[in-house]
Amino acid sequence: MTSSPLSIRFDDVVLDRLRRGAAARDTTPSGWAQRLVDEGLRSQEFPGIVFRDGPSGRRAGLATGPDVWEVVAALRDSEPRGEGALERVAADFDLPVGSVRVVLAYYGSNGPEIDDEIAENERTAEEALASWESQRRLLA
């Protein structure tokens, strides 16, 4: 990915908050500002999508529900397929079907990022299972 410079001026109060936010995340003000602008643009394009910090890092989620990757993983595993999958996943997560459609649209534009989050979750779950099985064998 290439980047291009853009000169921008911030009010002193905003710049101070930006610097504090960047320091709290061990990044530069420029890097944090880029992240916030990107997330803001995505939230505008996909109403209902927000971004939050968590154990696995910063990720997209529904404002009133789970992370995007969780809904996408459920859609992948859902039976039936097609429209029935949307209704099934919406019911499973207690969401309106419209929210699942927003996730689907977000995934359409950001699929590789979401696929990476799903893969990381699967890897972490496999490691946890292997650790648990190892402990059980030791105690058996």
N, C-alpha and C. Protein backbone atom coordinates (compact mmCIF):
# COMPACT_ATOMS: atom_id res chain seq x y z
N MET A 1 0.85 -1.17 0.00
CA MET A 1 0.00 0.00 0.00
C MET A 1 0.89 1.23 0.00
N THR A 2 0.59 2.15 -0.84
CA THR A 2 1.34 3.40 -0.88
C THR A 2 0.64 4.42 0.00
N SER A 3 1.38 5.45 0.36
CA SER A 3 0.78 6.53 1.13
C SER A 3 1.24 7.85 0.54
N SER A 4 0.43 8.85 0.72
CA SER A 4 0.72 10.19 0.24
C SER A 4 0.56 11.17 1.38
N PRO A 5 1.38 12.20 1.40
CA PRO A 5 1.27 13.18 2.48
C PRO A 5 0.03 14.06 2.33
N LEU A 6 -0.49 14.50 3.48
CA LEU A 6 -1.61 15.43 3.52
C LEU A 6 -1.38 16.33 4.71
N SER A 7 -1.35 17.61 4.46
CA SER A 7 -1.18 18.57 5.56
C SER A 7 -2.55 18.86 6.15
N ILE A 8 -2.64 18.75 7.47
CA ILE A 8 -3.91 19.01 8.15
C ILE A 8 -3.62 19.71 9.46
N ARG A 9 -4.48 20.61 9.83
CA ARG A 9 -4.32 21.34 11.09
C ARG A 9 -5.41 20.91 12.05
N PHE A 10 -5.00 20.69 13.31
CA PHE A 10 -5.93 20.30 14.35
C PHE A 10 -5.99 21.40 15.41
N ASP A 11 -7.16 21.57 16.00
CA ASP A 11 -7.26 22.44 17.18
C ASP A 11 -6.35 21.86 18.24
N ASP A 12 -5.83 22.73 19.12
CA ASP A 12 -4.90 22.27 20.16
C ASP A 12 -5.51 21.17 21.02
N VAL A 13 -6.78 21.29 21.36
CA VAL A 13 -7.44 20.30 22.21
C VAL A 13 -7.52 18.95 21.49
N VAL A 14 -7.87 18.97 20.21
CA VAL A 14 -7.96 17.74 19.42
C VAL A 14 -6.57 17.11 19.26
N LEU A 15 -5.57 17.94 18.98
CA LEU A 15 -4.21 17.44 18.81
C LEU A 15 -3.70 16.80 20.11
N ASP A 16 -4.02 17.40 21.24
CA ASP A 16 -3.62 16.83 22.52
C ASP A 16 -4.29 15.47 22.73
N ARG A 17 -5.57 15.36 22.44
CA ARG A 17 -6.27 14.07 22.57
C ARG A 17 -5.70 13.04 21.62
N LEU A 18 -5.36 13.48 20.41
CA LEU A 18 -4.76 12.57 19.43
C LEU A 18 -3.41 12.04 19.93
N ARG A 19 -2.60 12.91 20.46
CA ARG A 19 -1.29 12.50 20.98
C ARG A 19 -1.44 11.54 22.16
N ARG A 20 -2.38 11.83 23.07
CA ARG A 20 -2.59 10.94 24.21
C ARG A 20 -3.11 9.58 23.75
N GLY A 21 -4.02 9.58 22.79
CA GLY A 21 -4.54 8.32 22.27
C GLY A 21 -3.47 7.50 21.59
N ALA A 22 -2.60 8.17 20.83
CA ALA A 22 -1.50 7.47 20.16
C ALA A 22 -0.53 6.89 21.18
N ALA A 23 -0.19 7.67 22.18
CA ALA A 23 0.75 7.20 23.21
C ALA A 23 0.17 5.99 23.95
N ALA A 24 -1.12 6.01 24.23
CA ALA A 24 -1.75 4.91 24.94
C ALA A 24 -1.72 3.62 24.12
N ARG A 25 -1.62 3.76 22.81
CA ARG A 25 -1.61 2.59 21.93
C ARG A 25 -0.22 2.31 21.34
N ASP A 26 0.77 3.03 21.86
CA ASP A 26 2.16 2.85 21.44
C ASP A 26 2.31 3.01 19.92
N THR A 27 1.71 4.07 19.41
CA THR A 27 1.83 4.39 17.99
C THR A 27 2.08 5.89 17.86
N THR A 28 2.24 6.34 16.64
CA THR A 28 2.47 7.77 16.39
C THR A 28 1.13 8.49 16.24
N PRO A 29 1.11 9.79 16.51
CA PRO A 29 -0.12 10.54 16.25
C PRO A 29 -0.57 10.42 14.79
N SER A 30 0.39 10.41 13.87
CA SER A 30 0.03 10.27 12.45
C SER A 30 -0.62 8.91 12.18
N GLY A 31 -0.03 7.85 12.73
CA GLY A 31 -0.60 6.52 12.53
C GLY A 31 -1.97 6.38 13.15
N TRP A 32 -2.14 6.94 14.36
CA TRP A 32 -3.43 6.87 15.04
C TRP A 32 -4.47 7.69 14.28
N ALA A 33 -4.08 8.87 13.79
CA ALA A 33 -5.01 9.70 13.02
C ALA A 33 -5.46 8.97 11.75
N GLN A 34 -4.52 8.31 11.08
CA GLN A 34 -4.89 7.57 9.87
C GLN A 34 -5.88 6.47 10.20
N ARG A 35 -5.62 5.77 11.30
CA ARG A 35 -6.53 4.68 11.71
C ARG A 35 -7.92 5.22 11.99
N LEU A 36 -7.99 6.33 12.73
CA LEU A 36 -9.28 6.91 13.08
C LEU A 36 -10.03 7.42 11.85
N VAL A 37 -9.32 8.02 10.92
CA VAL A 37 -9.96 8.50 9.69
C VAL A 37 -10.48 7.31 8.88
N ASP A 38 -9.67 6.27 8.75
CA ASP A 38 -10.11 5.08 8.02
C ASP A 38 -11.36 4.48 8.67
N GLU A 39 -11.33 4.33 9.99
CA GLU A 39 -12.48 3.77 10.69
C GLU A 39 -13.71 4.68 10.56
N GLY A 40 -13.50 5.96 10.64
CA GLY A 40 -14.62 6.90 10.47
C GLY A 40 -15.24 6.80 9.09
N LEU A 41 -14.40 6.69 8.08
CA LEU A 41 -14.92 6.54 6.72
C LEU A 41 -15.67 5.22 6.54
N ARG A 42 -15.14 4.16 7.13
CA ARG A 42 -15.83 2.86 7.05
C ARG A 42 -17.16 2.92 7.78
N SER A 43 -17.19 3.57 8.94
CA SER A 43 -18.45 3.69 9.69
C SER A 43 -19.48 4.50 8.93
N GLN A 44 -19.03 5.48 8.17
CA GLN A 44 -19.95 6.25 7.34
C GLN A 44 -20.49 5.41 6.18
N GLU A 45 -19.62 4.60 5.60
CA GLU A 45 -20.02 3.76 4.46
C GLU A 45 -20.93 2.61 4.89
N PHE A 46 -20.72 2.12 6.12
CA PHE A 46 -21.48 0.97 6.62
C PHE A 46 -22.10 1.34 7.97
N PRO A 47 -23.25 2.04 7.94
CA PRO A 47 -23.89 2.46 9.20
C PRO A 47 -24.19 1.25 10.09
N GLY A 48 -23.83 1.40 11.35
CA GLY A 48 -24.00 0.32 12.31
C GLY A 48 -22.70 -0.37 12.66
N ILE A 49 -21.67 -0.14 11.84
CA ILE A 49 -20.35 -0.71 12.12
C ILE A 49 -19.56 0.28 12.97
N VAL A 50 -18.96 -0.22 14.04
CA VAL A 50 -18.10 0.58 14.91
C VAL A 50 -16.78 -0.17 15.08
N PHE A 51 -15.84 0.47 15.70
CA PHE A 51 -14.53 -0.14 15.94
C PHE A 51 -14.22 -0.08 17.42
N ARG A 52 -13.67 -1.19 17.94
CA ARG A 52 -13.39 -1.26 19.36
C ARG A 52 -12.11 -2.04 19.61
N ASP A 53 -11.50 -1.71 20.75
CA ASP A 53 -10.31 -2.42 21.20
C ASP A 53 -10.73 -3.67 21.96
N GLY A 54 -9.88 -4.66 21.94
CA GLY A 54 -10.13 -5.89 22.69
C GLY A 54 -8.87 -6.72 22.77
N PRO A 55 -8.98 -7.91 23.34
CA PRO A 55 -7.80 -8.76 23.52
C PRO A 55 -7.09 -9.09 22.22
N SER A 56 -7.86 -9.17 21.13
CA SER A 56 -7.25 -9.52 19.84
C SER A 56 -6.89 -8.28 19.03
N GLY A 57 -6.98 -7.11 19.63
CA GLY A 57 -6.66 -5.88 18.92
C GLY A 57 -7.91 -5.11 18.54
N ARG A 58 -7.73 -4.14 17.70
CA ARG A 58 -8.84 -3.29 17.28
C ARG A 58 -9.57 -3.98 16.13
N ARG A 59 -10.89 -4.01 16.19
CA ARG A 59 -11.64 -4.72 15.18
C ARG A 59 -13.01 -4.10 14.99
N ALA A 60 -13.61 -4.44 13.83
CA ALA A 60 -14.94 -3.95 13.48
C ALA A 60 -15.99 -4.80 14.18
N GLY A 61 -17.06 -4.15 14.58
CA GLY A 61 -18.17 -4.85 15.20
C GLY A 61 -19.46 -4.10 14.94
N LEU A 62 -20.55 -4.77 15.24
CA LEU A 62 -21.85 -4.09 15.17
C LEU A 62 -22.00 -3.23 16.41
N ALA A 63 -22.54 -2.04 16.24
CA ALA A 63 -22.69 -1.13 17.38
C ALA A 63 -23.50 -1.78 18.50
N THR A 64 -24.47 -2.59 18.14
CA THR A 64 -25.33 -3.21 19.15
C THR A 64 -25.16 -4.72 19.19
N GLY A 65 -23.97 -5.19 18.84
CA GLY A 65 -23.81 -6.64 18.81
C GLY A 65 -22.39 -7.10 18.73
N PRO A 66 -22.21 -8.29 18.18
CA PRO A 66 -20.90 -8.94 18.16
C PRO A 66 -19.95 -8.33 17.14
N ASP A 67 -18.72 -8.84 17.16
CA ASP A 67 -17.73 -8.44 16.16
C ASP A 67 -18.15 -8.95 14.78
N VAL A 68 -17.72 -8.25 13.76
CA VAL A 68 -18.03 -8.64 12.38
C VAL A 68 -17.54 -10.05 12.10
N TRP A 69 -16.32 -10.38 12.54
CA TRP A 69 -15.77 -11.70 12.23
C TRP A 69 -16.64 -12.81 12.81
N GLU A 70 -17.26 -12.57 13.96
CA GLU A 70 -18.10 -13.59 14.58
C GLU A 70 -19.34 -13.88 13.73
N VAL A 71 -19.94 -12.82 13.20
CA VAL A 71 -21.13 -12.98 12.37
C VAL A 71 -20.76 -13.66 11.05
N VAL A 72 -19.63 -13.26 10.47
CA VAL A 72 -19.19 -13.86 9.20
C VAL A 72 -18.89 -15.34 9.40
N ALA A 73 -18.22 -15.68 10.49
CA ALA A 73 -17.93 -17.09 10.76
C ALA A 73 -19.22 -17.89 10.91
N ALA A 74 -20.21 -17.30 11.56
CA ALA A 74 -21.49 -17.99 11.71
C ALA A 74 -22.19 -18.15 10.36
N LEU A 75 -22.10 -17.13 9.51
CA LEU A 75 -22.70 -17.24 8.17
C LEU A 75 -22.03 -18.36 7.38
N ARG A 76 -20.72 -18.48 7.50
CA ARG A 76 -20.00 -19.54 6.78
C ARG A 76 -20.46 -20.93 7.21
N ASP A 77 -20.74 -21.07 8.50
CA ASP A 77 -21.10 -22.37 9.05
C ASP A 77 -22.60 -22.65 9.01
N SER A 78 -23.38 -21.67 8.60
CA SER A 78 -24.83 -21.78 8.72
C SER A 78 -25.45 -22.74 7.71
N GLU A 79 -26.42 -23.45 8.18
CA GLU A 79 -27.34 -24.22 7.34
C GLU A 79 -28.72 -23.72 7.73
N PRO A 80 -29.54 -23.33 6.83
CA PRO A 80 -29.41 -23.40 5.38
C PRO A 80 -28.48 -22.32 4.85
N ARG A 81 -28.28 -22.30 3.56
CA ARG A 81 -27.47 -21.29 2.88
C ARG A 81 -28.39 -20.18 2.36
N GLY A 82 -27.80 -19.20 1.71
CA GLY A 82 -28.57 -18.12 1.08
C GLY A 82 -29.30 -17.25 2.09
N GLU A 83 -30.49 -16.79 1.70
CA GLU A 83 -31.29 -15.92 2.57
C GLU A 83 -31.59 -16.58 3.91
N GLY A 84 -31.76 -17.89 3.88
CA GLY A 84 -32.02 -18.60 5.13
C GLY A 84 -30.89 -18.45 6.13
N ALA A 85 -29.67 -18.37 5.61
CA ALA A 85 -28.50 -18.18 6.50
C ALA A 85 -28.58 -16.84 7.20
N LEU A 86 -28.99 -15.81 6.48
CA LEU A 86 -29.10 -14.48 7.10
C LEU A 86 -30.11 -14.51 8.24
N GLU A 87 -31.25 -15.14 7.98
CA GLU A 87 -32.29 -15.20 9.01
C GLU A 87 -31.85 -16.06 10.20
N ARG A 88 -31.18 -17.16 9.92
CA ARG A 88 -30.73 -18.06 10.98
C ARG A 88 -29.70 -17.37 11.88
N VAL A 89 -28.71 -16.73 11.26
CA VAL A 89 -27.67 -16.06 12.03
C VAL A 89 -28.25 -14.88 12.80
N ALA A 90 -29.16 -14.14 12.18
CA ALA A 90 -29.81 -13.04 12.88
C ALA A 90 -30.52 -13.55 14.13
N ALA A 91 -31.23 -14.66 14.00
CA ALA A 91 -31.93 -15.24 15.16
C ALA A 91 -30.93 -15.73 16.20
N ASP A 92 -29.87 -16.39 15.77
CA ASP A 92 -28.88 -16.92 16.71
C ASP A 92 -28.22 -15.81 17.54
N PHE A 93 -27.98 -14.66 16.91
CA PHE A 93 -27.33 -13.55 17.61
C PHE A 93 -28.33 -12.53 18.16
N ASP A 94 -29.63 -12.81 17.97
CA ASP A 94 -30.69 -11.90 18.40
C ASP A 94 -30.50 -10.51 17.78
N LEU A 95 -30.29 -10.52 16.46
CA LEU A 95 -30.08 -9.30 15.69
C LEU A 95 -31.16 -9.15 14.63
N PRO A 96 -31.43 -7.93 14.21
CA PRO A 96 -32.28 -7.76 13.03
C PRO A 96 -31.54 -8.28 11.79
N VAL A 97 -32.27 -8.80 10.83
CA VAL A 97 -31.65 -9.29 9.59
C VAL A 97 -30.88 -8.15 8.92
N GLY A 98 -31.36 -6.93 9.06
CA GLY A 98 -30.67 -5.78 8.47
C GLY A 98 -29.25 -5.62 9.00
N SER A 99 -29.03 -5.92 10.26
CA SER A 99 -27.68 -5.84 10.82
C SER A 99 -26.77 -6.89 10.21
N VAL A 100 -27.31 -8.08 9.97
CA VAL A 100 -26.50 -9.13 9.34
C VAL A 100 -26.19 -8.73 7.90
N ARG A 101 -27.11 -8.05 7.24
CA ARG A 101 -26.85 -7.57 5.88
C ARG A 101 -25.73 -6.51 5.87
N VAL A 102 -25.70 -5.67 6.89
CA VAL A 102 -24.61 -4.67 7.00
C VAL A 102 -23.28 -5.40 7.14
N VAL A 103 -23.24 -6.44 7.96
CA VAL A 103 -22.01 -7.23 8.11
C VAL A 103 -21.62 -7.84 6.78
N LEU A 104 -22.58 -8.37 6.06
CA LEU A 104 -22.31 -8.98 4.76
C LEU A 104 -21.73 -7.94 3.79
N ALA A 105 -22.29 -6.75 3.78
CA ALA A 105 -21.78 -5.68 2.92
C ALA A 105 -20.37 -5.27 3.34
N TYR A 106 -20.14 -5.16 4.66
CA TYR A 106 -18.81 -4.81 5.16
C TYR A 106 -17.80 -5.87 4.74
N TYR A 107 -18.18 -7.12 4.88
CA TYR A 107 -17.30 -8.22 4.48
C TYR A 107 -16.99 -8.13 2.99
N GLY A 108 -17.95 -7.78 2.19
CA GLY A 108 -17.73 -7.65 0.75
C GLY A 108 -16.64 -6.66 0.41
N SER A 109 -16.48 -5.63 1.21
CA SER A 109 -15.44 -4.63 0.97
C SER A 109 -14.16 -4.87 1.75
N ASN A 110 -14.22 -5.70 2.78
CA ASN A 110 -13.06 -5.88 3.67
C ASN A 110 -12.81 -7.35 3.99
N GLY A 111 -13.13 -8.22 3.06
CA GLY A 111 -13.05 -9.66 3.27
C GLY A 111 -11.72 -10.17 3.78
N PRO A 112 -10.59 -9.81 3.15
CA PRO A 112 -9.30 -10.35 3.62
C PRO A 112 -9.01 -10.02 5.09
N GLU A 113 -9.37 -8.82 5.52
CA GLU A 113 -9.16 -8.43 6.92
C GLU A 113 -10.00 -9.31 7.85
N ILE A 114 -11.24 -9.55 7.50
CA ILE A 114 -12.13 -10.38 8.32
C ILE A 114 -11.68 -11.83 8.28
N ASP A 115 -11.27 -12.31 7.11
CA ASP A 115 -10.76 -13.68 7.00
C ASP A 115 -9.56 -13.88 7.92
N ASP A 116 -8.68 -12.89 8.00
CA ASP A 116 -7.52 -12.97 8.89
C ASP A 116 -7.95 -13.06 10.35
N GLU A 117 -8.96 -12.29 10.73
CA GLU A 117 -9.44 -12.32 12.11
C GLU A 117 -10.05 -13.68 12.44
N ILE A 118 -10.79 -14.26 11.50
CA ILE A 118 -11.37 -15.59 11.71
C ILE A 118 -10.26 -16.62 11.85
N ALA A 119 -9.27 -16.56 10.97
CA ALA A 119 -8.15 -17.51 11.03
C ALA A 119 -7.40 -17.39 12.35
N GLU A 120 -7.19 -16.18 12.82
CA GLU A 120 -6.49 -15.98 14.09
C GLU A 120 -7.30 -16.56 15.24
N ASN A 121 -8.61 -16.36 15.22
CA ASN A 121 -9.46 -16.92 16.27
C ASN A 121 -9.41 -18.45 16.24
N GLU A 122 -9.44 -19.03 15.06
CA GLU A 122 -9.37 -20.49 14.94
C GLU A 122 -8.03 -21.01 15.44
N ARG A 123 -6.95 -20.31 15.11
CA ARG A 123 -5.62 -20.71 15.58
C ARG A 123 -5.55 -20.66 17.10
N THR A 124 -6.04 -19.60 17.68
CA THR A 124 -6.03 -19.45 19.13
C THR A 124 -6.87 -20.54 19.79
N ALA A 125 -8.02 -20.86 19.23
CA ALA A 125 -8.88 -21.91 19.78
C ALA A 125 -8.20 -23.27 19.70
N GLU A 126 -7.52 -23.55 18.59
CA GLU A 126 -6.80 -24.83 18.44
C GLU A 126 -5.68 -24.94 19.46
N GLU A 127 -4.96 -23.84 19.69
CA GLU A 127 -3.89 -23.85 20.70
C GLU A 127 -4.45 -24.08 22.10
N ALA A 128 -5.57 -23.45 22.40
CA ALA A 128 -6.18 -23.62 23.71
C ALA A 128 -6.65 -25.06 23.90
N LEU A 129 -7.23 -25.65 22.86
CA LEU A 129 -7.69 -27.04 22.94
C LEU A 129 -6.50 -27.98 23.13
N ALA A 130 -5.43 -27.77 22.39
CA ALA A 130 -4.24 -28.61 22.51
C ALA A 130 -3.65 -28.50 23.92
N SER A 131 -3.64 -27.31 24.48
CA SER A 131 -3.14 -27.12 25.84
C SER A 131 -4.01 -27.86 26.84
N TRP A 132 -5.31 -27.74 26.70
CA TRP A 132 -6.24 -28.42 27.60
C TRP A 132 -6.07 -29.93 27.51
N GLU A 133 -5.97 -30.45 26.28
CA GLU A 133 -5.79 -31.89 26.10
C GLU A 133 -4.48 -32.36 26.72
N SER A 134 -3.43 -31.59 26.59
CA SER A 134 -2.14 -31.92 27.18
C SER A 134 -2.24 -31.97 28.70
N GLN A 135 -2.93 -31.02 29.28
CA GLN A 135 -3.12 -31.00 30.73
C GLN A 135 -3.93 -32.21 31.19
N ARG A 136 -4.96 -32.54 30.44
CA ARG A 136 -5.79 -33.70 30.79
C ARG A 136 -4.97 -34.99 30.75
N ARG A 137 -4.12 -35.11 29.75
CA ARG A 137 -3.27 -36.32 29.64
C ARG A 137 -2.32 -36.43 30.82
N LEU A 138 -1.79 -35.29 31.23
CA LEU A 138 -0.86 -35.28 32.36
C LEU A 138 -1.55 -35.72 33.65
N LEU A 139 -2.80 -35.32 33.80
CA LEU A 139 -3.52 -35.64 35.02
C LEU A 139 -4.22 -37.00 34.97
N ALA A 140 -4.25 -37.63 33.81
CA ALA A 140 -4.96 -38.91 33.67
C ALA A 140 -4.19 -40.05 34.30
